[in-house]
Amino acid sequence: MYVWVFHLLLEPPLIIKINYGMSSEWVKIYESSDLYRAEIYKGGLEAEGIEAVIMNKKDSAYLFGRMELYVQPEDVIKAIHLINTIEQS
């Protein structure tokens, strides 16, 4: 079963397709060029009991690319809400 999640308060707005039939899939909820931001959000999510993973897609030689933060599909909505709360504080 697929579920579409629209979160219009993020910049840019986030649209995610979640496949609830495959629990091993991870969903990207945040990306940044700064590792420290991704680590702050990951720590906040883990403090709330949400398993999170950072994928470093930054080139090591030229330092361009992004850090991507992933969570399990069942945690997407709560994780986005927590990230928005952290950003606003």
Protein backbone atom coordinates (compact mmCIF):
# COMPACT_ATOMS: atom_id res chain seq x y z
CA MET A 1 0.00 0.00 0.00
CA TYR A 2 1.32 3.44 -0.93
CA VAL A 3 0.55 6.65 0.92
CA TRP A 4 1.49 10.13 -0.26
CA VAL A 5 2.56 12.66 2.40
CA PHE A 6 2.58 16.36 1.59
CA HIS A 7 4.32 18.77 3.94
CA LEU A 8 4.01 22.31 2.62
CA LEU A 9 5.68 24.13 5.51
CA LEU A 10 9.17 22.97 4.54
CA GLU A 11 11.28 24.87 2.05
CA PRO A 12 11.06 23.45 -0.53
CA PRO A 13 7.74 21.69 0.16
CA LEU A 14 8.18 17.99 0.83
CA ILE A 15 6.23 15.33 -1.02
CA ILE A 16 6.95 11.73 -0.04
CA LYS A 17 5.59 8.44 -1.37
CA ILE A 18 5.58 5.85 1.41
CA ASN A 19 5.37 2.13 0.73
CA TYR A 20 3.96 0.55 3.89
CA GLY A 21 4.38 -2.96 2.47
CA MET A 22 8.17 -2.77 2.68
CA SER A 23 9.18 -1.94 6.25
CA SER A 24 12.89 -2.11 5.42
CA GLU A 25 12.69 0.94 3.14
CA TRP A 26 13.92 4.26 4.46
CA VAL A 27 12.36 7.60 3.57
CA LYS A 28 14.41 10.76 3.04
CA ILE A 29 12.96 13.55 5.17
CA TYR A 30 15.74 16.14 5.14
CA GLU A 31 18.83 17.12 3.19
CA SER A 32 21.51 19.72 3.76
CA SER A 33 25.02 20.55 2.66
CA ASP A 34 25.98 20.84 6.35
CA LEU A 35 26.76 17.68 8.32
CA TYR A 36 26.25 19.42 11.67
CA ARG A 37 22.61 20.25 10.84
CA ALA A 38 21.86 16.66 9.85
CA GLU A 39 23.52 15.45 13.08
CA ILE A 40 21.46 17.87 15.20
CA TYR A 41 18.23 16.64 13.62
CA LYS A 42 19.28 13.01 13.90
CA GLY A 43 20.04 13.48 17.59
CA GLY A 44 16.67 15.14 18.17
CA LEU A 45 14.85 12.32 16.41
CA GLU A 46 16.72 9.63 18.32
CA ALA A 47 15.96 11.41 21.60
CA GLU A 48 12.27 10.93 20.73
CA GLY A 49 12.76 7.25 19.93
CA ILE A 50 12.84 7.59 16.14
CA GLU A 51 15.56 5.62 14.40
CA ALA A 52 17.36 7.86 11.91
CA VAL A 53 20.26 7.41 9.48
CA ILE A 54 22.44 10.00 7.76
CA MET A 55 23.69 9.21 4.29
CA ASN A 56 26.73 11.27 3.33
CA LYS A 57 26.54 11.99 -0.39
CA LYS A 58 29.22 14.65 -0.23
CA ASP A 59 32.25 14.22 -2.48
CA SER A 60 35.34 13.86 -0.28
CA ALA A 61 37.75 15.51 -2.71
CA TYR A 62 35.76 18.56 -3.81
CA LEU A 63 33.33 18.86 -0.87
CA PHE A 64 30.16 19.28 -2.90
CA GLY A 65 27.02 17.25 -2.40
CA ARG A 66 24.44 16.74 0.32
CA MET A 67 23.80 15.00 3.61
CA GLU A 68 20.49 13.13 3.62
CA LEU A 69 18.52 12.13 6.72
CA TYR A 70 16.33 9.02 6.51
CA VAL A 71 13.71 7.48 8.83
CA GLN A 72 11.40 4.46 8.65
CA PRO A 73 8.10 5.06 6.80
CA GLU A 74 5.98 4.77 9.94
CA ASP A 75 7.97 7.62 11.57
CA VAL A 76 7.86 10.13 8.70
CA ILE A 77 5.09 12.44 9.93
CA LYS A 78 6.35 12.57 13.52
CA ALA A 79 9.94 13.10 12.31
CA ILE A 80 9.00 16.00 10.03
CA HIS A 81 7.06 17.61 12.87
CA LEU A 82 10.07 17.27 15.21
CA ILE A 83 12.46 18.72 12.63
CA ASN A 84 10.16 21.72 12.16
CA THR A 85 10.05 22.18 15.93
CA ILE A 86 13.86 22.08 16.16
CA GLU A 87 14.20 24.56 13.25
CA GLN A 88 11.82 27.03 14.89
CA SER A 89 13.63 26.99 18.24
